Amino acid sequence: MKRLLFSLVVLSVAAASGQVAQSGTPARLEVVNGKVVKAFLQSMEDGILTFQQSKSTRNVPAPADKIRSLTFYPKYDSVAVEHSFNEGDYSSVITTLGPVMEPYWDYMAISNNLQTAFGMLVKSHLREEDYPKVQSASEVLMESSNPDLVVQGQVYAALVALSNTTTNGVVATNSLVLAETLRGEVASEAAGLYLQACIERAKGAPREASKVVAEMIANHGNDLDWMPQSELLSAYLYLDQAITNSAANCARQVQSIYGGSNVARDAEKFRAKLPVEEPATVEEPAKTEEAAETEEAAEPAEAEENTGQTGMQKE
């Protein structure tokens, strides 16, 4: 009887204080007019974010582009995850970050404090060739109002398509068509060139792909989103053409330029799988046209001089 009375008292106090049982993903939500609310996110579908305000069970739908940002409160060692990522330890990133990010995955199209972590997770899935996860991420990113995230989503979707090969290792025709269609939609020229190089490589045309990478490097050398992986791709393209020393030299350069990053570690892993590098040979510089003509003109005079010396000796 006492326990029943105690329960009734607790319920009456909770009702009086306005407390309600809530479910969903807790977040701090800021809308474009600057208003901030504590919210429990319910779903994100077709560009509509549905949430409940704190102490309310009423679902509130809002267009995602009207939300300025979300702040989440997960518990994980972000420093350790970043270290693992930069070391190229992608399985550790996935093991640690995968479960943490699961409740937030659908909300990554909206600006939030976990997008950098999400980027590391998706790149880790890509390096580990977990293409279903990468495809899922691409669909989320392409729903974003942020043009940079849309581009990332398009590139990821195209790379997933290029991974779809036949039993003979050839990329399926419909997958190539999809990748090229996505390439045509990419707004970033740098990202488009990187993707075009990947497509040419998938077609079995490494020389054409190398030309595209050269264009990328020449015109977008300061683009830190796409430049590092383009330069590493260049090493793979050299290897595709059986130019092993150039592949090794290119990877070594990537290690030097991007030291401390995951791309540098990927370059190191790439070099470790190559045959033992031969020592570089020092080639005699090519003669200019002018130098060659001068040399030819000098030869008859030198011959005459030698002939004169011979005649004097005979005398």
C-alpha atoms as a PDB file:
ATOM      1  CA  MET A   1       0.000   0.000   0.000  1.00  0.00           C
ATOM      2  CA  LYS A   2       2.835   2.387   0.904  1.00  0.00           C
ATOM      3  CA  ARG A   3       4.629   1.566  -2.395  1.00  0.00           C
ATOM      4  CA  LEU A   4       1.419   2.333  -4.368  1.00  0.00           C
ATOM      5  CA  LEU A   5       0.986   5.655  -2.592  1.00  0.00           C
ATOM      6  CA  PHE A   6       4.655   6.529  -3.273  1.00  0.00           C
ATOM      7  CA  SER A   7       4.250   5.770  -6.986  1.00  0.00           C
ATOM      8  CA  LEU A   8       1.139   7.929  -7.211  1.00  0.00           C
ATOM      9  CA  VAL A   9       3.011  10.784  -5.538  1.00  0.00           C
ATOM     10  CA  VAL A  10       5.935  10.472  -8.016  1.00  0.00           C
ATOM     11  CA  LEU A  11       3.553  10.446 -10.996  1.00  0.00           C
ATOM     12  CA  SER A  12       1.670  13.471  -9.731  1.00  0.00           C
ATOM     13  CA  VAL A  13       4.934  15.398  -9.190  1.00  0.00           C
ATOM     14  CA  ALA A  14       6.159  14.482 -12.712  1.00  0.00           C
ATOM     15  CA  ALA A  15       2.851  15.603 -14.212  1.00  0.00           C
ATOM     16  CA  ALA A  16       2.923  18.847 -12.264  1.00  0.00           C
ATOM     17  CA  SER A  17       6.494  19.598 -13.414  1.00  0.00           C
ATOM     18  CA  GLY A  18       5.662  18.889 -17.057  1.00  0.00           C
ATOM     19  CA  GLN A  19       8.048  15.936 -17.377  1.00  0.00           C
ATOM     20  CA  VAL A  20       7.275  13.529 -20.205  1.00  0.00           C
ATOM     21  CA  ALA A  21       8.926  10.356 -21.397  1.00  0.00           C
ATOM     22  CA  GLN A  22      10.783  11.113 -24.651  1.00  0.00           C
ATOM     23  CA  SER A  23      12.636   9.044 -27.187  1.00  0.00           C
ATOM     24  CA  GLY A  24      14.822   9.958 -30.137  1.00  0.00           C
ATOM     25  CA  THR A  25      18.300  11.360 -30.670  1.00  0.00           C
ATOM     26  CA  PRO A  26      19.058  14.261 -28.308  1.00  0.00           C
ATOM     27  CA  ALA A  27      20.517  17.341 -29.972  1.00  0.00           C
ATOM     28  CA  ARG A  28      20.834  21.090 -29.760  1.00  0.00           C
ATOM     29  CA  LEU A  29      19.014  22.489 -32.778  1.00  0.00           C
ATOM     30  CA  GLU A  30      19.579  25.947 -34.223  1.00  0.00           C
ATOM     31  CA  VAL A  31      17.278  27.247 -36.940  1.00  0.00           C
ATOM     32  CA  VAL A  32      18.251  29.832 -39.553  1.00  0.00           C
ATOM     33  CA  ASN A  33      16.646  32.719 -37.621  1.00  0.00           C
ATOM     34  CA  GLY A  34      18.989  32.035 -34.698  1.00  0.00           C
ATOM     35  CA  LYS A  35      16.503  30.341 -32.392  1.00  0.00           C
ATOM     36  CA  VAL A  36      17.990  27.456 -30.406  1.00  0.00           C
ATOM     37  CA  VAL A  37      15.991  24.582 -28.905  1.00  0.00           C
ATOM     38  CA  LYS A  38      16.744  21.341 -27.126  1.00  0.00           C
ATOM     39  CA  ALA A  39      15.331  18.605 -29.295  1.00  0.00           C
ATOM     40  CA  PHE A  40      14.925  14.880 -29.726  1.00  0.00           C
ATOM     41  CA  LEU A  41      15.321  13.996 -33.406  1.00  0.00           C
ATOM     42  CA  GLN A  42      12.856  11.464 -34.743  1.00  0.00           C
ATOM     43  CA  SER A  43      13.664  11.049 -38.431  1.00  0.00           C
ATOM     44  CA  MET A  44      15.100  12.615 -41.564  1.00  0.00           C
ATOM     45  CA  GLU A  45      13.334  11.763 -44.798  1.00  0.00           C
ATOM     46  CA  ASP A  46      12.916  13.491 -48.181  1.00  0.00           C
ATOM     47  CA  GLY A  47      14.568  16.643 -46.878  1.00  0.00           C
ATOM     48  CA  ILE A  48      12.271  16.934 -43.858  1.00  0.00           C
ATOM     49  CA  LEU A  49      13.649  16.741 -40.315  1.00  0.00           C
ATOM     50  CA  THR A  50      11.107  15.602 -37.729  1.00  0.00           C
ATOM     51  CA  PHE A  51      11.853  16.351 -34.084  1.00  0.00           C
ATOM     52  CA  GLN A  52      10.258  16.852 -30.684  1.00  0.00           C
ATOM     53  CA  GLN A  53      11.099  19.778 -28.468  1.00  0.00           C
ATOM     54  CA  SER A  54      12.215  18.997 -24.949  1.00  0.00           C
ATOM     55  CA  LYS A  55       9.286  18.148 -22.640  1.00  0.00           C
ATOM     56  CA  SER A  56       6.932  17.616 -25.560  1.00  0.00           C
ATOM     57  CA  THR A  57       5.892  14.529 -27.504  1.00  0.00           C
ATOM     58  CA  ARG A  58       4.492  16.501 -30.432  1.00  0.00           C
ATOM     59  CA  ASN A  59       6.337  15.802 -33.678  1.00  0.00           C
ATOM     60  CA  VAL A  60       7.492  18.962 -35.446  1.00  0.00           C
ATOM     61  CA  PRO A  61       8.426  18.678 -39.150  1.00  0.00           C
ATOM     62  CA  ALA A  62      10.901  21.201 -40.580  1.00  0.00           C
ATOM     63  CA  PRO A  63      12.660  21.504 -43.961  1.00  0.00           C
ATOM     64  CA  ALA A  64      16.293  20.537 -43.461  1.00  0.00           C
ATOM     65  CA  ASP A  65      17.489  23.686 -45.233  1.00  0.00           C
ATOM     66  CA  LYS A  66      15.832  25.755 -42.495  1.00  0.00           C
ATOM     67  CA  ILE A  67      18.103  24.169 -39.873  1.00  0.00           C
ATOM     68  CA  ARG A  68      21.380  26.040 -39.463  1.00  0.00           C
ATOM     69  CA  SER A  69      23.130  23.396 -37.385  1.00  0.00           C
ATOM     70  CA  LEU A  70      22.821  20.461 -35.014  1.00  0.00           C
ATOM     71  CA  THR A  71      24.988  19.708 -32.015  1.00  0.00           C
ATOM     72  CA  PHE A  72      25.230  16.124 -30.772  1.00  0.00           C
ATOM     73  CA  TYR A  73      26.660  14.788 -27.520  1.00  0.00           C
ATOM     74  CA  PRO A  74      28.314  11.409 -28.178  1.00  0.00           C
ATOM     75  CA  LYS A  75      30.990   9.990 -25.893  1.00  0.00           C
ATOM     76  CA  TYR A  76      34.134   8.740 -27.602  1.00  0.00           C
ATOM     77  CA  ASP A  77      37.854   9.520 -27.751  1.00  0.00           C
ATOM     78  CA  SER A  78      37.975  11.812 -30.773  1.00  0.00           C
ATOM     79  CA  VAL A  79      41.750  12.301 -30.479  1.00  0.00           C
ATOM     80  CA  ALA A  80      42.380   8.547 -30.575  1.00  0.00           C
ATOM     81  CA  VAL A  81      40.064   8.100 -33.573  1.00  0.00           C
ATOM     82  CA  GLU A  82      41.783  10.868 -35.517  1.00  0.00           C
ATOM     83  CA  HIS A  83      45.168   9.351 -34.694  1.00  0.00           C
ATOM     84  CA  SER A  84      44.015   5.935 -35.965  1.00  0.00           C
ATOM     85  CA  PHE A  85      42.699   7.520 -39.149  1.00  0.00           C
ATOM     86  CA  ASN A  86      45.916   9.437 -39.847  1.00  0.00           C
ATOM     87  CA  GLU A  87      47.850   6.226 -39.269  1.00  0.00           C
ATOM     88  CA  GLY A  88      45.742   4.499 -41.894  1.00  0.00           C
ATOM     89  CA  ASP A  89      44.307   2.109 -39.304  1.00  0.00           C
ATOM     90  CA  TYR A  90      40.875   2.092 -40.888  1.00  0.00           C
ATOM     91  CA  SER A  91      39.575  -1.034 -39.162  1.00  0.00           C
ATOM     92  CA  SER A  92      40.137   0.625 -35.767  1.00  0.00           C
ATOM     93  CA  VAL A  93      38.294   3.742 -36.920  1.00  0.00           C
ATOM     94  CA  ILE A  94      35.336   1.630 -38.014  1.00  0.00           C
ATOM     95  CA  THR A  95      35.350  -0.471 -34.845  1.00  0.00           C
ATOM     96  CA  THR A  96      35.402   2.595 -32.586  1.00  0.00           C
ATOM     97  CA  LEU A  97      33.418   5.138 -34.544  1.00  0.00           C
ATOM     98  CA  GLY A  98      30.888   2.922 -36.307  1.00  0.00           C
ATOM     99  CA  PRO A  99      28.666   2.179 -33.281  1.00  0.00           C
ATOM    100  CA  VAL A 100      29.030   5.756 -32.005  1.00  0.00           C
ATOM    101  CA  MET A 101      27.848   7.272 -35.277  1.00  0.00           C
ATOM    102  CA  GLU A 102      24.931   4.905 -35.840  1.00  0.00           C
ATOM    103  CA  PRO A 103      22.220   7.120 -34.206  1.00  0.00           C
ATOM    104  CA  TYR A 104      23.448  10.203 -36.124  1.00  0.00           C
ATOM    105  CA  TRP A 105      23.967   8.701 -39.582  1.00  0.00           C
ATOM    106  CA  ASP A 106      20.692   9.946 -41.126  1.00  0.00           C
ATOM    107  CA  TYR A 107      21.275  13.528 -39.968  1.00  0.00           C
ATOM    108  CA  MET A 108      24.687  14.048 -41.616  1.00  0.00           C
ATOM    109  CA  ALA A 109      23.132  16.043 -44.458  1.00  0.00           C
ATOM    110  CA  ILE A 110      22.625  18.915 -41.983  1.00  0.00           C
ATOM    111  CA  SER A 111      25.600  20.908 -40.688  1.00  0.00           C
ATOM    112  CA  ASN A 112      26.687  19.434 -37.349  1.00  0.00           C
ATOM    113  CA  ASN A 113      29.651  18.870 -35.064  1.00  0.00           C
ATOM    114  CA  LEU A 114      30.162  15.243 -36.146  1.00  0.00           C
ATOM    115  CA  GLN A 115      30.638  15.757 -39.885  1.00  0.00           C
ATOM    116  CA  THR A 116      34.426  15.539 -39.679  1.00  0.00           C
ATOM    117  CA  ALA A 117      34.147  12.255 -37.788  1.00  0.00           C
ATOM    118  CA  PHE A 118      31.582  11.040 -40.310  1.00  0.00           C
ATOM    119  CA  GLY A 119      33.986  11.882 -43.133  1.00  0.00           C
ATOM    120  CA  MET A 120      36.729   9.795 -41.511  1.00  0.00           C
ATOM    121  CA  LEU A 121      34.307   6.907 -41.040  1.00  0.00           C
ATOM    122  CA  VAL A 122      33.117   6.939 -44.663  1.00  0.00           C
ATOM    123  CA  LYS A 123      36.670   7.153 -46.030  1.00  0.00           C
ATOM    124  CA  SER A 124      37.602   4.236 -43.776  1.00  0.00           C
ATOM    125  CA  HIS A 125      34.733   2.174 -45.179  1.00  0.00           C
ATOM    126  CA  LEU A 126      35.913   3.099 -48.685  1.00  0.00           C
ATOM    127  CA  ARG A 127      39.510   2.031 -47.973  1.00  0.00           C
ATOM    128  CA  GLU A 128      38.215  -1.222 -46.487  1.00  0.00           C
ATOM    129  CA  GLU A 129      36.042  -1.708 -49.593  1.00  0.00           C
ATOM    130  CA  ASP A 130      32.798  -1.809 -47.623  1.00  0.00           C
ATOM    131  CA  TYR A 131      30.837  -0.455 -50.569  1.00  0.00           C
ATOM    132  CA  PRO A 132      27.299  -0.876 -49.166  1.00  0.00           C
ATOM    133  CA  LYS A 133      28.211   1.482 -46.307  1.00  0.00           C
ATOM    134  CA  VAL A 134      29.796   3.957 -48.723  1.00  0.00           C
ATOM    135  CA  GLN A 135      26.695   3.838 -50.918  1.00  0.00           C
ATOM    136  CA  SER A 136      24.495   4.524 -47.895  1.00  0.00           C
ATOM    137  CA  ALA A 137      26.666   7.503 -46.951  1.00  0.00           C
ATOM    138  CA  SER A 138      26.578   8.867 -50.493  1.00  0.00           C
ATOM    139  CA  GLU A 139      22.772   8.883 -50.459  1.00  0.00           C
ATOM    140  CA  VAL A 140      22.756  10.860 -47.205  1.00  0.00           C
ATOM    141  CA  LEU A 141      25.326  13.398 -48.420  1.00  0.00           C
ATOM    142  CA  MET A 142      23.596  14.008 -51.739  1.00  0.00           C
ATOM    143  CA  GLU A 143      20.520  15.188 -49.789  1.00  0.00           C
ATOM    144  CA  SER A 144      22.527  17.995 -48.189  1.00  0.00           C
ATOM    145  CA  SER A 145      22.038  21.696 -48.891  1.00  0.00           C
ATOM    146  CA  ASN A 146      25.847  22.056 -48.601  1.00  0.00           C
ATOM    147  CA  PRO A 147      27.323  21.906 -52.148  1.00  0.00           C
ATOM    148  CA  ASP A 148      30.632  20.430 -50.899  1.00  0.00           C
ATOM    149  CA  LEU A 149      28.824  17.541 -49.202  1.00  0.00           C
ATOM    150  CA  VAL A 150      26.756  16.922 -52.327  1.00  0.00           C
ATOM    151  CA  VAL A 151      29.974  16.651 -54.357  1.00  0.00           C
ATOM    152  CA  GLN A 152      31.408  14.175 -51.853  1.00  0.00           C
ATOM    153  CA  GLY A 153      28.251  12.100 -52.081  1.00  0.00           C
ATOM    154  CA  GLN A 154      28.369  12.092 -55.880  1.00  0.00           C
ATOM    155  CA  VAL A 155      32.015  11.007 -55.966  1.00  0.00           C
ATOM    156  CA  TYR A 156      31.382   8.253 -53.406  1.00  0.00           C
ATOM    157  CA  ALA A 157      28.388   6.978 -55.405  1.00  0.00           C
ATOM    158  CA  ALA A 158      30.472   6.935 -58.590  1.00  0.00           C
ATOM    159  CA  LEU A 159      33.355   5.081 -56.905  1.00  0.00           C
ATOM    160  CA  VAL A 160      30.888   2.489 -55.639  1.00  0.00           C
ATOM    161  CA  ALA A 161      29.612   2.076 -59.206  1.00  0.00           C
ATOM    162  CA  LEU A 162      33.176   1.595 -60.480  1.00  0.00           C
ATOM    163  CA  SER A 163      33.670  -1.199 -57.939  1.00  0.00           C
ATOM    164  CA  ASN A 164      30.925  -3.221 -59.630  1.00  0.00           C
ATOM    165  CA  THR A 165      32.952  -5.524 -61.848  1.00  0.00           C
ATOM    166  CA  THR A 166      32.129  -8.648 -63.821  1.00  0.00           C
ATOM    167  CA  THR A 167      33.726 -12.047 -63.160  1.00  0.00           C
ATOM    168  CA  ASN A 168      36.493 -11.037 -65.580  1.00  0.00           C
ATOM    169  CA  GLY A 169      37.307  -7.969 -63.497  1.00  0.00           C
ATOM    170  CA  VAL A 170      35.823  -5.541 -66.032  1.00  0.00           C
ATOM    171  CA  VAL A 171      33.562  -2.753 -64.790  1.00  0.00           C
ATOM    172  CA  ALA A 172      29.972  -3.444 -65.797  1.00  0.00           C
ATOM    173  CA  THR A 173      28.755  -1.200 -68.631  1.00  0.00           C
ATOM    174  CA  ASN A 174      25.750   0.129 -66.730  1.00  0.00           C
ATOM    175  CA  SER A 175      28.029   0.988 -63.795  1.00  0.00           C
ATOM    176  CA  LEU A 176      30.367   2.954 -66.077  1.00  0.00           C
ATOM    177  CA  VAL A 177      27.370   4.830 -67.456  1.00  0.00           C
ATOM    178  CA  LEU A 178      26.214   5.688 -63.931  1.00  0.00           C
ATOM    179  CA  ALA A 179      29.693   6.862 -62.920  1.00  0.00           C
ATOM    180  CA  GLU A 180      29.975   9.058 -66.013  1.00  0.00           C
ATOM    181  CA  THR A 181      26.490  10.475 -65.395  1.00  0.00           C
ATOM    182  CA  LEU A 182      27.465  11.411 -61.844  1.00  0.00           C
ATOM    183  CA  ARG A 183      30.718  12.871 -63.168  1.00  0.00           C
ATOM    184  CA  GLY A 184      28.662  15.189 -65.362  1.00  0.00           C
ATOM    185  CA  GLU A 185      26.704  16.416 -62.332  1.00  0.00           C
ATOM    186  CA  VAL A 186      29.698  17.210 -60.118  1.00  0.00           C
ATOM    187  CA  ALA A 187      29.933  20.970 -59.565  1.00  0.00           C
ATOM    188  CA  SER A 188      33.593  20.975 -58.420  1.00  0.00           C
ATOM    189  CA  GLU A 189      36.088  20.950 -61.301  1.00  0.00           C
ATOM    190  CA  ALA A 190      38.799  19.433 -59.112  1.00  0.00           C
ATOM    191  CA  ALA A 191      36.545  16.634 -57.889  1.00  0.00           C
ATOM    192  CA  GLY A 192      35.311  16.093 -61.436  1.00  0.00           C
ATOM    193  CA  LEU A 193      38.859  15.655 -62.750  1.00  0.00           C
ATOM    194  CA  TYR A 194      39.726  13.209 -59.973  1.00  0.00           C
ATOM    195  CA  LEU A 195      36.596  11.210 -60.740  1.00  0.00           C
ATOM    196  CA  GLN A 196      37.291  11.315 -64.483  1.00  0.00           C
ATOM    197  CA  ALA A 197      40.757   9.877 -63.853  1.00  0.00           C
ATOM    198  CA  CYS A 198      39.188   7.073 -61.808  1.00  0.00           C
ATOM    199  CA  ILE A 199      36.757   6.366 -64.647  1.00  0.00           C
ATOM    200  CA  GLU A 200      39.551   6.236 -67.246  1.00  0.00           C
ATOM    201  CA  ARG A 201      41.477   3.845 -65.046  1.00  0.00           C
ATOM    202  CA  ALA A 202      38.389   1.657 -64.647  1.00  0.00           C
ATOM    203  CA  LYS A 203      38.143   1.561 -68.450  1.00  0.00           C
ATOM    204  CA  GLY A 204      41.688   0.200 -68.590  1.00  0.00           C
ATOM    205  CA  ALA A 205      43.197   3.440 -69.931  1.00  0.00           C
ATOM    206  CA  PRO A 206      45.901   4.432 -67.406  1.00  0.00           C
ATOM    207  CA  ARG A 207      47.697   6.763 -69.844  1.00  0.00           C
ATOM    208  CA  GLU A 208      44.516   8.769 -70.411  1.00  0.00           C
ATOM    209  CA  ALA A 209      43.885   8.767 -66.670  1.00  0.00           C
ATOM    210  CA  SER A 210      47.425  10.094 -66.080  1.00  0.00           C
ATOM    211  CA  LYS A 211      46.761  12.996 -68.455  1.00  0.00           C
ATOM    212  CA  VAL A 212      43.640  13.891 -66.455  1.00  0.00           C
ATOM    213  CA  VAL A 213      45.569  13.738 -63.182  1.00  0.00           C
ATOM    214  CA  ALA A 214      48.258  15.981 -64.685  1.00  0.00           C
ATOM    215  CA  GLU A 215      45.551  18.511 -65.569  1.00  0.00           C
ATOM    216  CA  MET A 216      44.175  18.287 -62.058  1.00  0.00           C
ATOM    217  CA  ILE A 217      47.599  18.881 -60.502  1.00  0.00           C
ATOM    218  CA  ALA A 218      48.375  21.758 -62.871  1.00  0.00           C
ATOM    219  CA  ASN A 219      45.119  23.617 -62.267  1.00  0.00           C
ATOM    220  CA  HIS A 220      44.152  22.735 -58.696  1.00  0.00           C
ATOM    221  CA  GLY A 221      47.395  22.332 -56.785  1.00  0.00           C
ATOM    222  CA  ASN A 222      45.981  24.061 -53.699  1.00  0.00           C
ATOM    223  CA  ASP A 223      42.803  21.990 -53.445  1.00  0.00           C
ATOM    224  CA  LEU A 224      43.458  19.941 -50.317  1.00  0.00           C
ATOM    225  CA  ASP A 225      40.172  18.070 -50.658  1.00  0.00           C
ATOM    226  CA  TRP A 226      41.093  16.335 -53.938  1.00  0.00           C
ATOM    227  CA  MET A 227      44.785  16.985 -54.577  1.00  0.00           C
ATOM    228  CA  PRO A 228      46.333  14.423 -52.148  1.00  0.00           C
ATOM    229  CA  GLN A 229      44.314  11.483 -53.425  1.00  0.00           C
ATOM    230  CA  SER A 230      44.880  12.582 -57.023  1.00  0.00           C
ATOM    231  CA  GLU A 231      48.647  12.473 -56.507  1.00  0.00           C
ATOM    232  CA  LEU A 232      48.418   9.042 -54.894  1.00  0.00           C
ATOM    233  CA  LEU A 233      46.243   7.883 -57.777  1.00  0.00           C
ATOM    234  CA  SER A 234      49.086   8.943 -60.078  1.00  0.00           C
ATOM    235  CA  ALA A 235      51.353   6.380 -58.371  1.00  0.00           C
ATOM    236  CA  TYR A 236      48.808   3.633 -59.047  1.00  0.00           C
ATOM    237  CA  LEU A 237      48.589   4.717 -62.677  1.00  0.00           C
ATOM    238  CA  TYR A 238      52.357   4.414 -63.091  1.00  0.00           C
ATOM    239  CA  LEU A 239      52.148   0.910 -61.680  1.00  0.00           C
ATOM    240  CA  ASP A 240      49.293   0.066 -64.043  1.00  0.00           C
ATOM    241  CA  GLN A 241      51.703   0.907 -66.859  1.00  0.00           C
ATOM    242  CA  ALA A 242      54.473  -1.213 -65.272  1.00  0.00           C
ATOM    243  CA  ILE A 243      56.619   1.891 -64.628  1.00  0.00           C
ATOM    244  CA  THR A 244      57.563   0.693 -61.163  1.00  0.00           C
ATOM    245  CA  ASN A 245      60.305   3.179 -60.306  1.00  0.00           C
ATOM    246  CA  SER A 246      58.109   6.138 -61.193  1.00  0.00           C
ATOM    247  CA  ALA A 247      55.300   4.634 -59.126  1.00  0.00           C
ATOM    248  CA  ALA A 248      57.634   4.342 -56.142  1.00  0.00           C
ATOM    249  CA  ASN A 249      59.018   7.847 -56.599  1.00  0.00           C
ATOM    250  CA  CYS A 250      55.529   9.319 -56.863  1.00  0.00           C
ATOM    251  CA  ALA A 251      54.388   7.530 -53.704  1.00  0.00           C
ATOM    252  CA  ARG A 252      57.523   8.692 -51.891  1.00  0.00           C
ATOM    253  CA  GLN A 253      56.717  12.265 -52.866  1.00  0.00           C
ATOM    254  CA  VAL A 254      53.168  11.890 -51.525  1.00  0.00           C
ATOM    255  CA  GLN A 255      54.604  10.632 -48.230  1.00  0.00           C
ATOM    256  CA  SER A 256      56.876  13.653 -48.007  1.00  0.00           C
ATOM    257  CA  ILE A 257      54.318  16.302 -48.943  1.00  0.00           C
ATOM    258  CA  TYR A 258      51.414  14.973 -46.881  1.00  0.00           C
ATOM    259  CA  GLY A 259      53.344  13.542 -43.938  1.00  0.00           C
ATOM    260  CA  GLY A 260      51.200  12.801 -40.888  1.00  0.00           C
ATOM    261  CA  SER A 261      48.048  12.203 -42.941  1.00  0.00           C
ATOM    262  CA  ASN A 262      46.203   9.036 -43.874  1.00  0.00           C
ATOM    263  CA  VAL A 263      47.134   9.595 -47.527  1.00  0.00           C
ATOM    264  CA  ALA A 264      50.815   9.533 -46.597  1.00  0.00           C
ATOM    265  CA  ARG A 265      50.300   6.241 -44.770  1.00  0.00           C
ATOM    266  CA  ASP A 266      48.428   4.851 -47.781  1.00  0.00           C
ATOM    267  CA  ALA A 267      51.389   5.859 -49.949  1.00  0.00           C
ATOM    268  CA  GLU A 268      53.730   4.071 -47.556  1.00  0.00           C
ATOM    269  CA  LYS A 269      51.627   0.904 -47.724  1.00  0.00           C
ATOM    270  CA  PHE A 270      51.616   1.166 -51.511  1.00  0.00           C
ATOM    271  CA  ARG A 271      55.417   1.369 -51.657  1.00  0.00           C
ATOM    272  CA  ALA A 272      55.791  -1.573 -49.302  1.00  0.00           C
ATOM    273  CA  LYS A 273      54.001  -3.821 -51.815  1.00  0.00           C
ATOM    274  CA  LEU A 274      56.223  -2.820 -54.726  1.00  0.00           C
ATOM    275  CA  PRO A 275      59.250  -4.823 -55.914  1.00  0.00           C
ATOM    276  CA  VAL A 276      62.606  -3.620 -54.577  1.00  0.00           C
ATOM    277  CA  GLU A 277      63.319  -0.286 -56.173  1.00  0.00           C
ATOM    278  CA  GLU A 278      66.221  -0.112 -58.597  1.00  0.00           C
ATOM    279  CA  PRO A 279      68.687   2.743 -58.067  1.00  0.00           C
ATOM    280  CA  ALA A 280      67.792   5.734 -60.163  1.00  0.00           C
ATOM    281  CA  THR A 281      70.017   6.152 -63.209  1.00  0.00           C
ATOM    282  CA  VAL A 282      71.461   9.544 -64.041  1.00  0.00           C
ATOM    283  CA  GLU A 283      70.602  10.313 -67.629  1.00  0.00           C
ATOM    284  CA  GLU A 284      72.658  12.698 -69.755  1.00  0.00           C
ATOM    285  CA  PRO A 285      70.570  15.805 -70.360  1.00  0.00           C
ATOM    286  CA  ALA A 286      69.024  15.980 -73.806  1.00  0.00           C
ATOM    287  CA  LYS A 287      70.888  18.283 -76.164  1.00  0.00           C
ATOM    288  CA  THR A 288      69.120  21.325 -77.430  1.00  0.00           C
ATOM    289  CA  GLU A 289      68.703  21.803 -81.148  1.00  0.00           C
ATOM    290  CA  GLU A 290      71.126  24.708 -81.073  1.00  0.00           C
ATOM    291  CA  ALA A 291      73.758  22.695 -79.212  1.00  0.00           C
ATOM    292  CA  ALA A 292      73.440  19.823 -81.678  1.00  0.00           C
ATOM    293  CA  GLU A 293      73.948  22.163 -84.653  1.00  0.00           C
ATOM    294  CA  THR A 294      76.991  23.744 -82.998  1.00  0.00           C
ATOM    295  CA  GLU A 295      78.474  20.317 -82.365  1.00  0.00           C
ATOM    296  CA  GLU A 296      77.976  19.270 -85.997  1.00  0.00           C
ATOM    297  CA  ALA A 297      79.603  22.443 -87.258  1.00  0.00           C
ATOM    298  CA  ALA A 298      82.583  21.873 -84.993  1.00  0.00           C
ATOM    299  CA  GLU A 299      83.281  18.324 -86.226  1.00  0.00           C
ATOM    300  CA  PRO A 300      84.802  19.172 -89.704  1.00  0.00           C
ATOM    301  CA  ALA A 301      87.097  21.836 -88.251  1.00  0.00           C
ATOM    302  CA  GLU A 302      88.300  19.379 -85.671  1.00  0.00           C
ATOM    303  CA  ALA A 303      88.956  16.795 -88.396  1.00  0.00           C
ATOM    304  CA  GLU A 304      90.987  19.271 -90.436  1.00  0.00           C
ATOM    305  CA  GLU A 305      93.021  20.179 -87.411  1.00  0.00           C
ATOM    306  CA  ASN A 306      93.797  16.527 -86.754  1.00  0.00           C
ATOM    307  CA  THR A 307      94.766  16.005 -90.404  1.00  0.00           C
ATOM    308  CA  GLY A 308      97.195  18.905 -90.288  1.00  0.00           C
ATOM    309  CA  GLN A 309      98.794  17.540 -87.165  1.00  0.00           C
ATOM    310  CA  THR A 310      99.202  14.140 -88.821  1.00  0.00           C
ATOM    311  CA  GLY A 311     100.892  15.691 -91.881  1.00  0.00           C
ATOM    312  CA  MET A 312     103.370  17.548 -89.733  1.00  0.00           C
ATOM    313  CA  GLN A 313     104.182  14.361 -87.917  1.00  0.00           C
ATOM    314  CA  LYS A 314     104.829  12.588 -91.228  1.00  0.00           C
ATOM    315  CA  GLU A 315     107.067  15.344 -92.342  1.00  0.00           C
END
